[in-house]
Amino acid sequence: MRVLFAGILGGIAMFIWASVAHVMTPLASIGLQPVPNEAAAMGALHQSLGDKPGLYFFPFMNGAAGGAAAMAAQKAKIATYGNGLIAYNPPSASAGVSPRQLIVEFVLELVESILTAVVLAALVAGFARRVGMAGVIGVVAGMATNFSYWNWYGFSLDYTLANAFTELMKFVFAGLAIALVLGWRRGGVKAA
């Protein structure tokens, strides 16, 4: 029960940090740029994609389908027009952050933190070691997708570093909360 409680407290700490990082700091927008002539670009996207939300990569090629000729054609398109990745959502009356999105994000961070608490309780003793290991988990979490997106999809390095830092700090704050609940002593969990 103590590990579950530590994980829940850590999840709350993660959610608070992520909220502060995204709302009260520039971390969420570092590396993002406005689209020139935004209204025309948005109109063209809506005209082309309509009500079909999705993640669109251009120029598109379905894996290795089509073989060398398709790969050469894609390479020529990229050399001429560039390439990109668009996460498109059609117009909606419920624009902005929804309660469902906040709940899903909190549940994700709660699960991340509970799993972190299980690892820290099983493998690490002592406050500083628990926080340090939570930081290591945060580095892995921050690298796992952010740097691959930088590498494969051309996400800017400043955007990548800001988002990796945000992930790292989620686990550091969770680690602090978890370590407080699990105990300070180097040799194990403090007595209740």
N, C-alpha and C. Protein backbone atom coordinates (compact mmCIF):
# COMPACT_ATOMS: atom_id res chain seq x y z
N MET A 1 0.82 -1.20 0.00
CA MET A 1 0.00 0.00 0.00
C MET A 1 0.87 1.27 0.00
N ARG A 2 1.99 1.20 0.71
CA ARG A 2 2.87 2.36 0.76
C ARG A 2 3.42 2.70 -0.62
N VAL A 3 3.75 1.68 -1.41
CA VAL A 3 4.28 1.90 -2.76
C VAL A 3 3.19 2.50 -3.64
N LEU A 4 1.96 2.00 -3.53
CA LEU A 4 0.85 2.55 -4.30
C LEU A 4 0.60 4.00 -3.91
N PHE A 5 0.59 4.28 -2.62
CA PHE A 5 0.41 5.66 -2.16
C PHE A 5 1.52 6.56 -2.67
N ALA A 6 2.77 6.05 -2.63
CA ALA A 6 3.91 6.82 -3.15
C ALA A 6 3.73 7.10 -4.63
N GLY A 7 3.29 6.10 -5.38
CA GLY A 7 3.07 6.27 -6.81
C GLY A 7 1.98 7.29 -7.11
N ILE A 8 0.90 7.26 -6.33
CA ILE A 8 -0.19 8.22 -6.51
C ILE A 8 0.30 9.64 -6.22
N LEU A 9 1.02 9.79 -5.10
CA LEU A 9 1.57 11.10 -4.76
C LEU A 9 2.55 11.58 -5.84
N GLY A 10 3.36 10.67 -6.35
CA GLY A 10 4.28 11.01 -7.44
C GLY A 10 3.54 11.42 -8.70
N GLY A 11 2.43 10.73 -9.00
CA GLY A 11 1.63 11.09 -10.17
C GLY A 11 1.05 12.48 -10.05
N ILE A 12 0.62 12.83 -8.86
CA ILE A 12 0.11 14.18 -8.62
C ILE A 12 1.23 15.20 -8.82
N ALA A 13 2.43 14.88 -8.30
CA ALA A 13 3.58 15.78 -8.48
C ALA A 13 3.93 15.92 -9.97
N MET A 14 3.88 14.81 -10.71
CA MET A 14 4.14 14.86 -12.16
C MET A 14 3.15 15.78 -12.86
N PHE A 15 1.87 15.60 -12.54
CA PHE A 15 0.82 16.37 -13.19
C PHE A 15 0.97 17.86 -12.88
N ILE A 16 1.30 18.17 -11.64
CA ILE A 16 1.50 19.58 -11.27
C ILE A 16 2.67 20.16 -12.04
N TRP A 17 3.80 19.43 -12.08
CA TRP A 17 4.96 19.92 -12.82
C TRP A 17 4.62 20.12 -14.30
N ALA A 18 4.00 19.13 -14.92
CA ALA A 18 3.67 19.23 -16.35
C ALA A 18 2.74 20.41 -16.61
N SER A 19 1.80 20.64 -15.71
CA SER A 19 0.88 21.77 -15.87
C SER A 19 1.63 23.09 -15.76
N VAL A 20 2.50 23.21 -14.77
CA VAL A 20 3.29 24.43 -14.61
C VAL A 20 4.20 24.62 -15.82
N ALA A 21 4.86 23.56 -16.27
CA ALA A 21 5.78 23.65 -17.40
C ALA A 21 5.07 24.10 -18.67
N HIS A 22 3.85 23.62 -18.88
CA HIS A 22 3.13 23.95 -20.11
C HIS A 22 2.37 25.27 -20.05
N VAL A 23 1.96 25.69 -18.87
CA VAL A 23 1.13 26.88 -18.76
C VAL A 23 1.91 28.11 -18.30
N MET A 24 2.89 27.92 -17.42
CA MET A 24 3.55 29.06 -16.79
C MET A 24 5.00 29.26 -17.24
N THR A 25 5.49 28.41 -18.12
CA THR A 25 6.86 28.58 -18.64
C THR A 25 6.81 28.52 -20.16
N PRO A 26 7.88 28.93 -20.81
CA PRO A 26 7.91 28.84 -22.28
C PRO A 26 8.27 27.45 -22.79
N LEU A 27 8.49 26.48 -21.91
CA LEU A 27 8.95 25.17 -22.35
C LEU A 27 8.06 24.52 -23.41
N ALA A 28 6.75 24.70 -23.31
CA ALA A 28 5.84 24.03 -24.24
C ALA A 28 5.91 24.60 -25.65
N SER A 29 6.41 25.81 -25.81
CA SER A 29 6.42 26.41 -27.14
C SER A 29 7.82 26.63 -27.71
N ILE A 30 8.83 26.22 -26.97
CA ILE A 30 10.20 26.37 -27.48
C ILE A 30 10.34 25.54 -28.75
N GLY A 31 10.87 26.17 -29.79
CA GLY A 31 11.10 25.47 -31.05
C GLY A 31 9.92 25.47 -32.00
N LEU A 32 8.76 25.91 -31.55
CA LEU A 32 7.60 25.98 -32.44
C LEU A 32 7.59 27.32 -33.14
N GLN A 33 7.18 27.31 -34.40
CA GLN A 33 7.13 28.54 -35.18
C GLN A 33 5.76 28.68 -35.83
N PRO A 34 5.33 29.91 -36.03
CA PRO A 34 4.06 30.08 -36.75
C PRO A 34 4.25 29.76 -38.24
N VAL A 35 3.19 29.28 -38.85
CA VAL A 35 3.22 29.03 -40.29
C VAL A 35 3.05 30.37 -40.99
N PRO A 36 3.93 30.71 -41.93
CA PRO A 36 3.71 31.95 -42.68
C PRO A 36 2.39 31.86 -43.44
N ASN A 37 1.68 32.98 -43.49
CA ASN A 37 0.38 33.03 -44.14
C ASN A 37 -0.53 31.93 -43.58
N GLU A 38 -0.64 31.93 -42.27
CA GLU A 38 -1.34 30.86 -41.55
C GLU A 38 -2.77 30.63 -42.03
N ALA A 39 -3.52 31.68 -42.25
CA ALA A 39 -4.93 31.53 -42.66
C ALA A 39 -5.03 30.76 -43.98
N ALA A 40 -4.18 31.10 -44.94
CA ALA A 40 -4.21 30.41 -46.24
C ALA A 40 -3.79 28.95 -46.08
N ALA A 41 -2.75 28.70 -45.27
CA ALA A 41 -2.27 27.33 -45.06
C ALA A 41 -3.34 26.50 -44.36
N MET A 42 -3.98 27.08 -43.32
CA MET A 42 -5.03 26.35 -42.61
C MET A 42 -6.23 26.08 -43.52
N GLY A 43 -6.57 27.05 -44.35
CA GLY A 43 -7.66 26.86 -45.29
C GLY A 43 -7.36 25.74 -46.28
N ALA A 44 -6.13 25.71 -46.78
CA ALA A 44 -5.75 24.66 -47.73
C ALA A 44 -5.76 23.29 -47.05
N LEU A 45 -5.28 23.22 -45.82
CA LEU A 45 -5.31 21.95 -45.08
C LEU A 45 -6.75 21.48 -44.88
N HIS A 46 -7.60 22.38 -44.44
CA HIS A 46 -8.99 22.00 -44.21
C HIS A 46 -9.67 21.58 -45.50
N GLN A 47 -9.38 22.30 -46.59
CA GLN A 47 -9.97 21.95 -47.88
C GLN A 47 -9.49 20.57 -48.32
N SER A 48 -8.23 20.26 -48.09
CA SER A 48 -7.66 18.99 -48.51
C SER A 48 -8.05 17.83 -47.58
N LEU A 49 -8.02 18.07 -46.26
CA LEU A 49 -8.23 16.99 -45.29
C LEU A 49 -9.65 16.93 -44.74
N GLY A 50 -10.36 18.05 -44.78
CA GLY A 50 -11.75 18.07 -44.32
C GLY A 50 -11.90 17.67 -42.87
N ASP A 51 -12.71 16.66 -42.64
CA ASP A 51 -13.00 16.20 -41.28
C ASP A 51 -12.25 14.91 -40.93
N LYS A 52 -11.10 14.69 -41.55
CA LYS A 52 -10.32 13.47 -41.33
C LYS A 52 -9.11 13.77 -40.44
N PRO A 53 -9.27 13.62 -39.13
CA PRO A 53 -8.12 13.86 -38.26
C PRO A 53 -7.06 12.79 -38.49
N GLY A 54 -5.82 13.13 -38.22
CA GLY A 54 -4.77 12.13 -38.34
C GLY A 54 -3.39 12.74 -38.29
N LEU A 55 -2.41 11.87 -38.36
CA LEU A 55 -1.01 12.24 -38.42
C LEU A 55 -0.57 12.01 -39.86
N TYR A 56 -0.23 13.08 -40.53
CA TYR A 56 0.08 13.01 -41.96
C TYR A 56 1.56 13.29 -42.18
N PHE A 57 2.21 12.42 -42.93
CA PHE A 57 3.62 12.59 -43.30
C PHE A 57 3.67 12.83 -44.81
N PHE A 58 4.45 13.81 -45.22
CA PHE A 58 4.54 14.07 -46.65
C PHE A 58 5.99 14.32 -47.06
N PRO A 59 6.36 13.87 -48.27
CA PRO A 59 5.58 13.04 -49.18
C PRO A 59 5.48 11.63 -48.63
N PHE A 60 4.31 11.05 -48.76
CA PHE A 60 4.03 9.75 -48.14
C PHE A 60 4.53 8.61 -49.02
N MET A 61 5.07 7.59 -48.35
CA MET A 61 5.43 6.34 -49.01
C MET A 61 5.14 5.24 -48.01
N ASN A 62 4.43 4.24 -48.41
CA ASN A 62 4.02 3.17 -47.51
C ASN A 62 5.17 2.19 -47.30
N GLY A 63 6.04 2.51 -46.36
CA GLY A 63 7.16 1.63 -46.02
C GLY A 63 8.01 1.29 -47.24
N ALA A 64 8.29 0.02 -47.42
CA ALA A 64 9.11 -0.42 -48.54
C ALA A 64 8.25 -0.79 -49.75
N ALA A 65 6.93 -0.57 -49.67
CA ALA A 65 6.04 -0.89 -50.79
C ALA A 65 6.46 -0.08 -52.01
N GLY A 66 6.55 -0.70 -53.13
CA GLY A 66 6.93 0.00 -54.35
C GLY A 66 8.41 -0.12 -54.67
N GLY A 67 9.18 -0.57 -53.72
CA GLY A 67 10.59 -0.83 -53.95
C GLY A 67 11.43 0.40 -54.23
N ALA A 68 12.50 0.17 -54.99
CA ALA A 68 13.50 1.21 -55.25
C ALA A 68 12.93 2.38 -56.05
N ALA A 69 12.01 2.10 -56.97
CA ALA A 69 11.44 3.18 -57.78
C ALA A 69 10.64 4.15 -56.91
N ALA A 70 9.84 3.61 -55.99
CA ALA A 70 9.05 4.46 -55.09
C ALA A 70 9.95 5.26 -54.16
N MET A 71 11.02 4.63 -53.68
CA MET A 71 11.96 5.35 -52.81
C MET A 71 12.66 6.48 -53.57
N ALA A 72 13.02 6.23 -54.82
CA ALA A 72 13.67 7.27 -55.63
C ALA A 72 12.70 8.42 -55.90
N ALA A 73 11.43 8.10 -56.14
CA ALA A 73 10.42 9.14 -56.38
C ALA A 73 10.22 9.99 -55.12
N GLN A 74 10.18 9.33 -53.97
CA GLN A 74 10.02 10.08 -52.72
C GLN A 74 11.24 10.97 -52.47
N LYS A 75 12.42 10.45 -52.72
CA LYS A 75 13.64 11.24 -52.53
C LYS A 75 13.63 12.47 -53.44
N ALA A 76 13.16 12.31 -54.67
CA ALA A 76 13.08 13.45 -55.60
C ALA A 76 12.07 14.48 -55.11
N LYS A 77 10.93 14.03 -54.59
CA LYS A 77 9.93 14.96 -54.05
C LYS A 77 10.50 15.73 -52.87
N ILE A 78 11.21 15.03 -51.99
CA ILE A 78 11.80 15.70 -50.81
C ILE A 78 12.84 16.71 -51.26
N ALA A 79 13.64 16.37 -52.26
CA ALA A 79 14.67 17.29 -52.75
C ALA A 79 14.04 18.54 -53.36
N THR A 80 12.84 18.40 -53.93
CA THR A 80 12.18 19.53 -54.59
C THR A 80 11.26 20.31 -53.65
N TYR A 81 10.45 19.61 -52.86
CA TYR A 81 9.40 20.25 -52.07
C TYR A 81 9.62 20.22 -50.56
N GLY A 82 10.58 19.44 -50.09
CA GLY A 82 10.76 19.26 -48.66
C GLY A 82 9.86 18.16 -48.13
N ASN A 83 9.83 18.00 -46.83
CA ASN A 83 8.98 16.99 -46.21
C ASN A 83 8.51 17.49 -44.86
N GLY A 84 7.53 16.84 -44.30
CA GLY A 84 7.03 17.26 -43.01
C GLY A 84 6.06 16.28 -42.39
N LEU A 85 5.62 16.65 -41.22
CA LEU A 85 4.70 15.85 -40.43
C LEU A 85 3.66 16.80 -39.87
N ILE A 86 2.40 16.47 -40.06
CA ILE A 86 1.32 17.33 -39.60
C ILE A 86 0.37 16.49 -38.75
N ALA A 87 0.11 16.95 -37.53
CA ALA A 87 -0.95 16.37 -36.70
C ALA A 87 -2.17 17.25 -36.92
N TYR A 88 -3.16 16.73 -37.64
CA TYR A 88 -4.31 17.55 -38.04
C TYR A 88 -5.56 17.13 -37.27
N ASN A 89 -6.25 18.14 -36.75
CA ASN A 89 -7.56 17.95 -36.15
C ASN A 89 -8.52 18.89 -36.85
N PRO A 90 -9.66 18.38 -37.30
CA PRO A 90 -10.61 19.24 -38.01
C PRO A 90 -11.21 20.28 -37.08
N PRO A 91 -11.86 21.30 -37.66
CA PRO A 91 -12.51 22.31 -36.83
C PRO A 91 -13.47 21.66 -35.83
N SER A 92 -13.53 22.25 -34.63
CA SER A 92 -14.36 21.69 -33.58
C SER A 92 -14.90 22.80 -32.72
N ALA A 93 -16.13 22.62 -32.27
CA ALA A 93 -16.73 23.60 -31.36
C ALA A 93 -16.06 23.55 -29.99
N SER A 94 -15.47 22.41 -29.66
CA SER A 94 -14.83 22.25 -28.35
C SER A 94 -13.32 22.43 -28.48
N ALA A 95 -12.90 23.53 -29.10
CA ALA A 95 -11.48 23.80 -29.27
C ALA A 95 -10.83 24.08 -27.92
N GLY A 96 -9.53 23.85 -27.86
CA GLY A 96 -8.79 24.08 -26.62
C GLY A 96 -8.61 22.78 -25.85
N VAL A 97 -8.13 22.91 -24.65
CA VAL A 97 -7.88 21.75 -23.81
C VAL A 97 -9.20 21.29 -23.21
N SER A 98 -9.49 20.01 -23.39
CA SER A 98 -10.75 19.47 -22.90
C SER A 98 -10.54 18.77 -21.56
N PRO A 99 -11.61 18.62 -20.77
CA PRO A 99 -11.50 17.85 -19.53
C PRO A 99 -11.03 16.42 -19.79
N ARG A 100 -11.47 15.81 -20.89
CA ARG A 100 -11.05 14.45 -21.22
C ARG A 100 -9.54 14.39 -21.40
N GLN A 101 -8.94 15.37 -22.10
CA GLN A 101 -7.50 15.39 -22.30
C GLN A 101 -6.76 15.51 -20.97
N LEU A 102 -7.25 16.36 -20.09
CA LEU A 102 -6.61 16.52 -18.78
C LEU A 102 -6.69 15.23 -17.97
N ILE A 103 -7.84 14.56 -18.01
CA ILE A 103 -8.01 13.31 -17.27
C ILE A 103 -7.09 12.23 -17.84
N VAL A 104 -7.03 12.11 -19.16
CA VAL A 104 -6.15 11.11 -19.77
C VAL A 104 -4.71 11.39 -19.41
N GLU A 105 -4.29 12.66 -19.48
CA GLU A 105 -2.91 13.00 -19.12
C GLU A 105 -2.60 12.66 -17.67
N PHE A 106 -3.54 12.97 -16.77
CA PHE A 106 -3.33 12.65 -15.36
C PHE A 106 -3.21 11.13 -15.17
N VAL A 107 -4.07 10.36 -15.81
CA VAL A 107 -4.02 8.90 -15.67
C VAL A 107 -2.70 8.36 -16.21
N LEU A 108 -2.24 8.88 -17.36
CA LEU A 108 -0.94 8.45 -17.90
C LEU A 108 0.18 8.72 -16.91
N GLU A 109 0.20 9.91 -16.34
CA GLU A 109 1.25 10.27 -15.39
C GLU A 109 1.12 9.48 -14.10
N LEU A 110 -0.08 9.17 -13.70
CA LEU A 110 -0.31 8.35 -12.51
C LEU A 110 0.27 6.94 -12.72
N VAL A 111 0.00 6.35 -13.88
CA VAL A 111 0.54 5.01 -14.18
C VAL A 111 2.06 5.06 -14.26
N GLU A 112 2.62 6.07 -14.94
CA GLU A 112 4.08 6.22 -15.01
C GLU A 112 4.68 6.28 -13.61
N SER A 113 4.06 7.05 -12.74
CA SER A 113 4.59 7.23 -11.40
C SER A 113 4.45 5.97 -10.55
N ILE A 114 3.34 5.28 -10.66
CA ILE A 114 3.16 4.03 -9.90
C ILE A 114 4.21 3.01 -10.33
N LEU A 115 4.44 2.89 -11.64
CA LEU A 115 5.47 1.97 -12.12
C LEU A 115 6.86 2.39 -11.62
N THR A 116 7.11 3.69 -11.60
CA THR A 116 8.38 4.19 -11.07
C THR A 116 8.50 3.85 -9.59
N ALA A 117 7.43 4.01 -8.83
CA ALA A 117 7.46 3.69 -7.39
C ALA A 117 7.76 2.21 -7.18
N VAL A 118 7.18 1.35 -8.00
CA VAL A 118 7.45 -0.10 -7.88
C VAL A 118 8.93 -0.37 -8.11
N VAL A 119 9.51 0.24 -9.14
CA VAL A 119 10.93 0.03 -9.44
C VAL A 119 11.79 0.57 -8.29
N LEU A 120 11.49 1.78 -7.84
CA LEU A 120 12.30 2.38 -6.77
C LEU A 120 12.21 1.61 -5.48
N ALA A 121 11.02 1.12 -5.14
CA ALA A 121 10.85 0.36 -3.90
C ALA A 121 11.59 -0.97 -3.97
N ALA A 122 11.61 -1.58 -5.16
CA ALA A 122 12.23 -2.90 -5.30
C ALA A 122 13.75 -2.84 -5.42
N LEU A 123 14.27 -1.79 -6.02
CA LEU A 123 15.69 -1.79 -6.37
C LEU A 123 16.56 -0.81 -5.63
N VAL A 124 16.00 0.22 -5.07
CA VAL A 124 16.82 1.31 -4.55
C VAL A 124 16.42 1.64 -3.13
N ALA A 125 17.42 1.83 -2.27
CA ALA A 125 17.17 2.25 -0.90
C ALA A 125 17.83 3.61 -0.67
N GLY A 126 17.17 4.42 0.11
CA GLY A 126 17.71 5.73 0.44
C GLY A 126 17.11 6.82 -0.41
N PHE A 127 16.89 7.95 0.22
CA PHE A 127 16.21 9.08 -0.43
C PHE A 127 16.92 9.54 -1.68
N ALA A 128 18.21 9.88 -1.57
CA ALA A 128 18.96 10.42 -2.71
C ALA A 128 19.05 9.42 -3.86
N ARG A 129 19.24 8.15 -3.55
CA ARG A 129 19.31 7.14 -4.60
C ARG A 129 17.97 6.98 -5.32
N ARG A 130 16.90 7.04 -4.56
CA ARG A 130 15.58 6.93 -5.19
C ARG A 130 15.33 8.11 -6.13
N VAL A 131 15.63 9.31 -5.68
CA VAL A 131 15.45 10.49 -6.54
C VAL A 131 16.37 10.39 -7.75
N GLY A 132 17.60 9.97 -7.54
CA GLY A 132 18.55 9.82 -8.64
C GLY A 132 18.08 8.79 -9.67
N MET A 133 17.59 7.66 -9.20
CA MET A 133 17.10 6.64 -10.12
C MET A 133 15.84 7.11 -10.84
N ALA A 134 14.99 7.86 -10.17
CA ALA A 134 13.82 8.44 -10.84
C ALA A 134 14.29 9.37 -11.95
N GLY A 135 15.35 10.12 -11.69
CA GLY A 135 15.93 10.98 -12.72
C GLY A 135 16.45 10.19 -13.91
N VAL A 136 17.07 9.05 -13.64
CA VAL A 136 17.55 8.19 -14.74
C VAL A 136 16.36 7.69 -15.57
N ILE A 137 15.30 7.27 -14.90
CA ILE A 137 14.08 6.86 -15.61
C ILE A 137 13.56 8.02 -16.45
N GLY A 138 13.61 9.24 -15.90
CA GLY A 138 13.18 10.42 -16.63
C GLY A 138 14.02 10.70 -17.86
N VAL A 139 15.34 10.47 -17.76
CA VAL A 139 16.21 10.65 -18.93
C VAL A 139 15.81 9.66 -20.02
N VAL A 140 15.57 8.41 -19.63
CA VAL A 140 15.14 7.40 -20.61
C VAL A 140 13.80 7.81 -21.23
N ALA A 141 12.86 8.24 -20.41
CA ALA A 141 11.55 8.66 -20.92
C ALA A 141 11.69 9.86 -21.84
N GLY A 142 12.54 10.80 -21.48
CA GLY A 142 12.73 11.99 -22.31
C GLY A 142 13.41 11.68 -23.63
N MET A 143 14.30 10.70 -23.63
CA MET A 143 15.00 10.33 -24.85
C MET A 143 14.18 9.42 -25.75
N ALA A 144 13.33 8.60 -25.15
CA ALA A 144 12.67 7.51 -25.87
C ALA A 144 11.95 7.96 -27.13
N THR A 145 11.22 9.03 -27.08
CA THR A 145 10.53 9.49 -28.28
C THR A 145 11.11 10.80 -28.79
N ASN A 146 11.42 11.71 -27.90
CA ASN A 146 11.83 13.05 -28.34
C ASN A 146 13.02 13.04 -29.29
N PHE A 147 14.05 12.29 -28.97
CA PHE A 147 15.24 12.31 -29.82
C PHE A 147 15.05 11.51 -31.10
N SER A 148 14.19 10.50 -31.08
CA SER A 148 13.86 9.81 -32.32
C SER A 148 13.08 10.73 -33.25
N TYR A 149 12.16 11.51 -32.68
CA TYR A 149 11.41 12.47 -33.51
C TYR A 149 12.34 13.53 -34.08
N TRP A 150 13.31 13.97 -33.33
CA TRP A 150 14.31 14.91 -33.82
C TRP A 150 15.08 14.28 -34.99
N ASN A 151 15.48 13.03 -34.80
CA ASN A 151 16.28 12.33 -35.79
C ASN A 151 15.49 12.02 -37.06
N TRP A 152 14.31 11.45 -36.92
CA TRP A 152 13.56 10.96 -38.09
C TRP A 152 12.65 12.00 -38.73
N TYR A 153 12.05 12.86 -37.94
CA TYR A 153 11.03 13.77 -38.48
C TYR A 153 11.46 15.23 -38.52
N GLY A 154 12.67 15.51 -38.07
CA GLY A 154 13.19 16.87 -38.18
C GLY A 154 12.67 17.83 -37.12
N PHE A 155 12.19 17.31 -35.98
CA PHE A 155 11.79 18.22 -34.90
C PHE A 155 13.02 19.04 -34.53
N SER A 156 12.82 20.31 -34.24
CA SER A 156 13.97 21.17 -33.93
C SER A 156 14.66 20.72 -32.64
N LEU A 157 15.95 20.97 -32.57
CA LEU A 157 16.72 20.55 -31.40
C LEU A 157 16.25 21.28 -30.14
N ASP A 158 15.92 22.58 -30.25
CA ASP A 158 15.48 23.29 -29.05
C ASP A 158 14.14 22.75 -28.56
N TYR A 159 13.22 22.41 -29.46
CA TYR A 159 11.95 21.79 -29.08
C TYR A 159 12.21 20.44 -28.40
N THR A 160 13.10 19.65 -29.01
CA THR A 160 13.43 18.33 -28.49
C THR A 160 14.02 18.42 -27.09
N LEU A 161 14.98 19.32 -26.89
CA LEU A 161 15.62 19.46 -25.58
C LEU A 161 14.62 19.96 -24.53
N ALA A 162 13.77 20.91 -24.89
CA ALA A 162 12.77 21.42 -23.94
C ALA A 162 11.80 20.33 -23.52
N ASN A 163 11.35 19.51 -24.46
CA ASN A 163 10.41 18.45 -24.12
C ASN A 163 11.08 17.31 -23.36
N ALA A 164 12.33 16.99 -23.69
CA ALA A 164 13.06 15.98 -22.93
C ALA A 164 13.29 16.47 -21.50
N PHE A 165 13.60 17.75 -21.32
CA PHE A 165 13.78 18.32 -19.99
C PHE A 165 12.48 18.25 -19.19
N THR A 166 11.36 18.57 -19.84
CA THR A 166 10.06 18.50 -19.16
C THR A 166 9.79 17.08 -18.67
N GLU A 167 10.08 16.09 -19.51
CA GLU A 167 9.88 14.68 -19.11
C GLU A 167 10.81 14.31 -17.96
N LEU A 168 12.08 14.69 -18.06
CA LEU A 168 13.04 14.42 -16.99
C LEU A 168 12.52 14.97 -15.67
N MET A 169 12.08 16.21 -15.67
CA MET A 169 11.64 16.84 -14.43
C MET A 169 10.36 16.22 -13.88
N LYS A 170 9.50 15.71 -14.75
CA LYS A 170 8.32 14.98 -14.26
C LYS A 170 8.77 13.85 -13.35
N PHE A 171 9.79 13.11 -13.76
CA PHE A 171 10.25 11.98 -12.97
C PHE A 171 11.04 12.41 -11.75
N VAL A 172 11.76 13.52 -11.84
CA VAL A 172 12.46 14.03 -10.66
C VAL A 172 11.46 14.43 -9.59
N PHE A 173 10.40 15.17 -9.98
CA PHE A 173 9.39 15.56 -8.99
C PHE A 173 8.64 14.34 -8.44
N ALA A 174 8.33 13.39 -9.32
CA ALA A 174 7.70 12.16 -8.84
C ALA A 174 8.65 11.42 -7.90
N GLY A 175 9.93 11.37 -8.26
CA GLY A 175 10.92 10.69 -7.43
C GLY A 175 11.04 11.32 -6.05
N LEU A 176 10.97 12.64 -5.98
CA LEU A 176 11.00 13.32 -4.68
C LEU A 176 9.79 12.90 -3.83
N ALA A 177 8.61 12.90 -4.44
CA ALA A 177 7.40 12.51 -3.70
C ALA A 177 7.47 11.05 -3.29
N ILE A 178 7.89 10.19 -4.20
CA ILE A 178 7.98 8.75 -3.90
C ILE A 178 8.99 8.51 -2.79
N ALA A 179 10.16 9.14 -2.89
CA ALA A 179 11.20 8.95 -1.87
C ALA A 179 10.75 9.45 -0.51
N LEU A 180 9.98 10.53 -0.47
CA LEU A 180 9.46 11.02 0.80
C LEU A 180 8.54 9.99 1.45
N VAL A 181 7.71 9.35 0.65
CA VAL A 181 6.77 8.36 1.20
C VAL A 181 7.49 7.07 1.57
N LEU A 182 8.43 6.63 0.74
CA LEU A 182 9.10 5.35 0.99
C LEU A 182 10.14 5.43 2.09
N GLY A 183 10.63 6.60 2.37
CA GLY A 183 11.54 6.72 3.50
C GLY A 183 12.89 7.30 3.15
N TRP A 184 13.55 7.76 4.19
CA TRP A 184 14.83 8.46 4.05
C TRP A 184 16.04 7.56 4.25
N ARG A 185 15.87 6.52 5.05
CA ARG A 185 17.03 5.74 5.47
C ARG A 185 17.68 5.02 4.31
N ARG A 186 18.99 5.00 4.33
CA ARG A 186 19.76 4.34 3.30
C ARG A 186 19.49 2.84 3.28
N GLY A 187 19.29 2.25 4.40
CA GLY A 187 19.14 0.81 4.49
C GLY A 187 17.75 0.30 4.18
N GLY A 188 16.77 1.15 3.98
CA GLY A 188 15.43 0.64 3.68
C GLY A 188 14.37 1.66 4.02
N VAL A 189 13.17 1.17 4.11
CA VAL A 189 12.01 2.03 4.34
C VAL A 189 11.95 2.36 5.82
N LYS A 190 11.63 3.62 6.10
CA LYS A 190 11.53 4.03 7.50
C LYS A 190 10.31 3.38 8.14
N ALA A 191 10.33 3.24 9.42
CA ALA A 191 9.21 2.64 10.13
C ALA A 191 8.01 3.55 10.09
N ALA A 192 6.82 2.94 10.06
CA ALA A 192 5.58 3.72 9.97
C ALA A 192 5.29 4.45 11.26
